[in-house]
N, C-alpha and C. Protein backbone atom coordinates (compact mmCIF):
# COMPACT_ATOMS: atom_id res chain seq x y z
N MET A 1 88.55 139.23 172.64
CA MET A 1 89.12 139.97 171.52
C MET A 1 88.56 139.49 170.19
N GLU A 2 88.37 138.16 170.06
CA GLU A 2 87.83 137.63 168.81
C GLU A 2 86.42 138.14 168.55
N ASP A 3 85.63 138.28 169.62
CA ASP A 3 84.26 138.81 169.45
C ASP A 3 84.30 140.24 168.91
N PHE A 4 85.21 141.03 169.44
CA PHE A 4 85.34 142.41 168.98
C PHE A 4 85.74 142.46 167.51
N LEU A 5 86.73 141.66 167.13
CA LEU A 5 87.18 141.65 165.74
C LEU A 5 86.08 141.16 164.79
N LEU A 6 85.35 140.13 165.21
CA LEU A 6 84.26 139.64 164.38
C LEU A 6 83.19 140.73 164.22
N PHE A 7 82.83 141.38 165.32
CA PHE A 7 81.85 142.47 165.27
C PHE A 7 82.34 143.60 164.37
N LEU A 8 83.62 143.93 164.47
CA LEU A 8 84.20 144.99 163.65
C LEU A 8 84.14 144.63 162.17
N MET A 9 84.54 143.39 161.82
CA MET A 9 84.54 142.97 160.42
C MET A 9 83.13 142.91 159.85
N LEU A 10 82.18 142.39 160.62
CA LEU A 10 80.80 142.35 160.14
C LEU A 10 80.23 143.75 159.98
N GLY A 11 80.64 144.66 160.86
CA GLY A 11 80.21 146.05 160.74
C GLY A 11 80.78 146.71 159.49
N LEU A 12 82.04 146.40 159.17
CA LEU A 12 82.63 146.95 157.96
C LEU A 12 81.94 146.41 156.71
N VAL A 13 81.65 145.12 156.71
CA VAL A 13 80.93 144.53 155.57
C VAL A 13 79.56 145.18 155.45
N GLY A 14 78.89 145.36 156.59
CA GLY A 14 77.54 145.92 156.59
C GLY A 14 77.46 147.38 156.18
N SER A 15 78.56 148.10 156.30
CA SER A 15 78.53 149.51 155.89
C SER A 15 79.19 149.71 154.52
N ALA A 16 80.29 149.03 154.27
CA ALA A 16 80.98 149.21 152.99
C ALA A 16 80.27 148.48 151.85
N GLY A 17 79.59 147.38 152.16
CA GLY A 17 78.87 146.64 151.12
C GLY A 17 77.79 147.48 150.45
N PRO A 18 76.85 148.04 151.23
CA PRO A 18 75.83 148.90 150.61
C PRO A 18 76.42 150.14 149.93
N ALA A 19 77.49 150.68 150.50
CA ALA A 19 78.13 151.84 149.87
C ALA A 19 78.68 151.45 148.50
N HIS A 20 79.29 150.27 148.42
CA HIS A 20 79.82 149.82 147.13
C HIS A 20 78.71 149.66 146.10
N PHE A 21 77.62 149.02 146.50
CA PHE A 21 76.53 148.81 145.54
C PHE A 21 75.90 150.13 145.11
N GLY A 22 75.78 151.07 146.04
CA GLY A 22 75.22 152.37 145.69
C GLY A 22 76.12 153.14 144.74
N PHE A 23 77.40 153.21 145.04
CA PHE A 23 78.31 153.93 144.15
C PHE A 23 78.50 153.20 142.83
N ARG A 24 78.44 151.87 142.85
CA ARG A 24 78.51 151.12 141.60
C ARG A 24 77.32 151.47 140.72
N LEU A 25 76.15 151.57 141.32
CA LEU A 25 74.96 151.94 140.57
C LEU A 25 75.09 153.34 139.99
N LEU A 26 75.57 154.28 140.80
CA LEU A 26 75.77 155.65 140.31
C LEU A 26 76.81 155.71 139.20
N ALA A 27 77.90 154.97 139.37
CA ALA A 27 78.95 154.96 138.34
C ALA A 27 78.42 154.35 137.05
N HIS A 28 77.69 153.24 137.16
CA HIS A 28 77.14 152.59 135.97
C HIS A 28 76.16 153.51 135.25
N ARG A 29 75.31 154.17 136.01
CA ARG A 29 74.33 155.09 135.42
C ARG A 29 75.03 156.26 134.73
N HIS A 30 76.03 156.82 135.39
CA HIS A 30 76.79 157.93 134.81
C HIS A 30 77.51 157.47 133.55
N HIS A 31 78.11 156.30 133.62
CA HIS A 31 78.82 155.70 132.49
C HIS A 31 77.87 155.56 131.30
N ARG A 32 76.69 155.00 131.54
CA ARG A 32 75.71 154.79 130.48
C ARG A 32 75.17 156.12 129.95
N ASP A 33 74.88 157.07 130.86
CA ASP A 33 74.34 158.36 130.44
C ASP A 33 75.31 159.15 129.56
N ARG A 34 76.59 158.99 129.82
CA ARG A 34 77.60 159.69 129.01
C ARG A 34 77.82 159.02 127.66
N GLY A 35 77.34 157.80 127.49
CA GLY A 35 77.49 157.09 126.22
C GLY A 35 78.87 156.51 126.00
N TRP A 36 79.63 156.33 127.06
CA TRP A 36 80.96 155.75 126.92
C TRP A 36 80.85 154.24 126.68
N PRO A 37 81.80 153.69 125.94
CA PRO A 37 81.75 152.25 125.71
C PRO A 37 82.08 151.48 126.99
N PHE A 38 81.42 150.34 127.15
CA PHE A 38 81.68 149.48 128.30
C PHE A 38 82.74 148.46 127.94
N ALA A 39 83.50 148.04 128.93
CA ALA A 39 84.42 146.92 128.72
C ALA A 39 83.59 145.67 128.50
N ALA A 40 84.17 144.71 127.84
CA ALA A 40 83.44 143.47 127.52
C ALA A 40 82.89 142.82 128.78
N GLY A 41 81.60 142.54 128.77
CA GLY A 41 80.96 141.86 129.90
C GLY A 41 80.51 142.75 131.04
N THR A 42 80.71 144.05 130.93
CA THR A 42 80.32 144.95 132.04
C THR A 42 79.06 145.75 131.74
N GLU A 43 78.42 145.51 130.62
CA GLU A 43 77.27 146.30 130.21
C GLU A 43 76.11 146.23 131.19
N GLU A 44 75.93 145.10 131.82
CA GLU A 44 74.78 144.90 132.73
C GLU A 44 75.02 145.48 134.12
N GLY A 45 76.25 145.81 134.46
CA GLY A 45 76.53 146.43 135.74
C GLY A 45 76.61 145.48 136.91
N GLY A 46 76.82 144.22 136.69
CA GLY A 46 76.88 143.24 137.77
C GLY A 46 78.27 143.11 138.37
N PHE A 47 78.64 141.87 138.72
CA PHE A 47 79.93 141.63 139.37
C PHE A 47 81.10 142.05 138.48
N SER A 48 80.95 141.86 137.18
CA SER A 48 82.05 142.23 136.28
C SER A 48 82.27 143.75 136.30
N TYR A 49 81.20 144.51 136.44
CA TYR A 49 81.36 145.97 136.53
C TYR A 49 82.02 146.35 137.86
N SER A 50 81.66 145.64 138.93
CA SER A 50 82.32 145.87 140.22
C SER A 50 83.81 145.60 140.11
N ALA A 51 84.17 144.48 139.46
CA ALA A 51 85.59 144.15 139.29
C ALA A 51 86.28 145.22 138.45
N TRP A 52 85.60 145.72 137.42
CA TRP A 52 86.16 146.76 136.58
C TRP A 52 86.42 148.03 137.40
N LEU A 53 85.46 148.39 138.27
CA LEU A 53 85.66 149.56 139.14
C LEU A 53 86.83 149.34 140.08
N MET A 54 86.90 148.15 140.67
CA MET A 54 87.95 147.89 141.66
C MET A 54 89.33 147.80 141.02
N ARG A 55 89.38 147.60 139.71
CA ARG A 55 90.66 147.65 138.99
C ARG A 55 90.95 149.06 138.45
N ARG A 56 90.11 150.01 138.84
CA ARG A 56 90.25 151.43 138.49
C ARG A 56 90.15 151.68 136.99
N GLY A 57 89.24 150.96 136.33
CA GLY A 57 89.03 151.14 134.91
C GLY A 57 88.44 152.48 134.54
N TYR A 58 87.83 153.15 135.49
CA TYR A 58 87.19 154.44 135.25
C TYR A 58 88.18 155.55 134.97
N ARG A 59 89.44 155.36 135.29
CA ARG A 59 90.44 156.42 135.10
C ARG A 59 90.60 156.82 133.65
N ALA A 60 90.33 155.90 132.73
CA ALA A 60 90.52 156.20 131.31
C ALA A 60 89.60 157.31 130.82
N PHE A 61 88.47 157.54 131.50
CA PHE A 61 87.52 158.55 131.05
C PHE A 61 87.91 159.96 131.48
N ALA A 62 88.73 160.10 132.49
CA ALA A 62 89.18 161.41 132.98
C ALA A 62 88.01 162.36 133.20
N ASP A 63 86.94 161.83 133.77
CA ASP A 63 85.75 162.62 134.09
C ASP A 63 85.67 162.76 135.60
N ARG A 64 85.48 163.99 136.06
CA ARG A 64 85.49 164.25 137.50
C ARG A 64 84.40 163.48 138.24
N ASP A 65 83.18 163.47 137.70
CA ASP A 65 82.08 162.76 138.36
C ASP A 65 82.30 161.25 138.35
N MET A 66 82.76 160.73 137.21
CA MET A 66 83.02 159.29 137.13
C MET A 66 84.15 158.91 138.10
N ALA A 67 85.15 159.77 138.21
CA ALA A 67 86.23 159.50 139.15
C ALA A 67 85.71 159.46 140.59
N PHE A 68 84.77 160.35 140.91
CA PHE A 68 84.20 160.37 142.26
C PHE A 68 83.42 159.09 142.53
N PHE A 69 82.47 158.76 141.65
CA PHE A 69 81.67 157.55 141.84
C PHE A 69 82.53 156.30 141.78
N GLY A 70 83.44 156.26 140.81
CA GLY A 70 84.29 155.09 140.66
C GLY A 70 85.23 154.88 141.82
N PHE A 71 85.84 155.96 142.31
CA PHE A 71 86.77 155.84 143.43
C PHE A 71 86.07 155.30 144.68
N TRP A 72 84.92 155.90 145.02
CA TRP A 72 84.23 155.45 146.23
C TRP A 72 83.64 154.06 146.06
N GLY A 73 83.22 153.73 144.85
CA GLY A 73 82.77 152.37 144.57
C GLY A 73 83.91 151.38 144.71
N MET A 74 85.06 151.75 144.16
CA MET A 74 86.25 150.89 144.24
C MET A 74 86.70 150.72 145.68
N LEU A 75 86.83 151.82 146.40
CA LEU A 75 87.33 151.75 147.77
C LEU A 75 86.39 150.96 148.67
N SER A 76 85.11 151.26 148.60
CA SER A 76 84.16 150.53 149.46
C SER A 76 84.05 149.08 149.04
N GLY A 77 84.24 148.78 147.76
CA GLY A 77 84.25 147.39 147.32
C GLY A 77 85.42 146.61 147.90
N TRP A 78 86.59 147.22 147.88
CA TRP A 78 87.76 146.53 148.47
C TRP A 78 87.60 146.37 149.99
N ILE A 79 87.09 147.39 150.66
CA ILE A 79 86.88 147.28 152.11
C ILE A 79 85.88 146.18 152.41
N ALA A 80 84.78 146.13 151.67
CA ALA A 80 83.77 145.09 151.89
C ALA A 80 84.35 143.71 151.61
N SER A 81 85.13 143.58 150.55
CA SER A 81 85.72 142.28 150.20
C SER A 81 86.68 141.80 151.28
N LEU A 82 87.57 142.69 151.71
CA LEU A 82 88.54 142.30 152.73
C LEU A 82 87.87 142.01 154.07
N ALA A 83 86.86 142.80 154.42
CA ALA A 83 86.15 142.57 155.68
C ALA A 83 85.36 141.27 155.64
N LEU A 84 84.80 140.94 154.48
CA LEU A 84 84.07 139.68 154.34
C LEU A 84 85.01 138.49 154.51
N VAL A 85 86.19 138.56 153.93
CA VAL A 85 87.19 137.50 154.10
C VAL A 85 87.61 137.41 155.56
N ALA A 86 87.87 138.56 156.19
CA ALA A 86 88.27 138.55 157.59
C ALA A 86 87.17 138.00 158.49
N ALA A 87 85.91 138.35 158.23
CA ALA A 87 84.81 137.83 159.02
C ALA A 87 84.68 136.31 158.84
N THR A 88 84.88 135.84 157.63
CA THR A 88 84.84 134.39 157.37
C THR A 88 85.95 133.67 158.14
N VAL A 89 87.13 134.23 158.14
CA VAL A 89 88.25 133.65 158.89
C VAL A 89 87.95 133.65 160.38
N MET A 90 87.40 134.76 160.88
CA MET A 90 87.08 134.83 162.31
C MET A 90 86.02 133.80 162.69
N ILE A 91 85.01 133.61 161.85
CA ILE A 91 83.98 132.61 162.13
C ILE A 91 84.58 131.21 162.08
N ALA A 92 85.45 130.97 161.12
CA ALA A 92 86.10 129.66 161.03
C ALA A 92 86.99 129.38 162.25
N LEU A 93 87.69 130.40 162.73
CA LEU A 93 88.53 130.22 163.91
C LEU A 93 87.72 129.98 165.18
N ARG A 94 86.53 130.53 165.23
CA ARG A 94 85.68 130.34 166.41
C ARG A 94 85.07 128.94 166.46
N ALA A 95 84.90 128.32 165.31
CA ALA A 95 84.24 127.00 165.24
C ALA A 95 85.14 125.88 165.72
């Protein structure tokens, strides 16, 4: 059972992680193209922008496209984060 759970968690990280980075890139590009102000420290689009997306900061813009990119970036980011933690726990339990 542990092997299955580890495989499942690594699979979730492997699929949700790239989805998060892709949607984060699209959200950041859309954000920049629209000329909206960035929150402090999120201008470069790195981890701080990911955290901003996962806290649903994009809702303030009330833009349909930004909501689409931001929502999927946020959701896949949380899935990847939780799956990464679960995979780490599963590896630690196996050791």
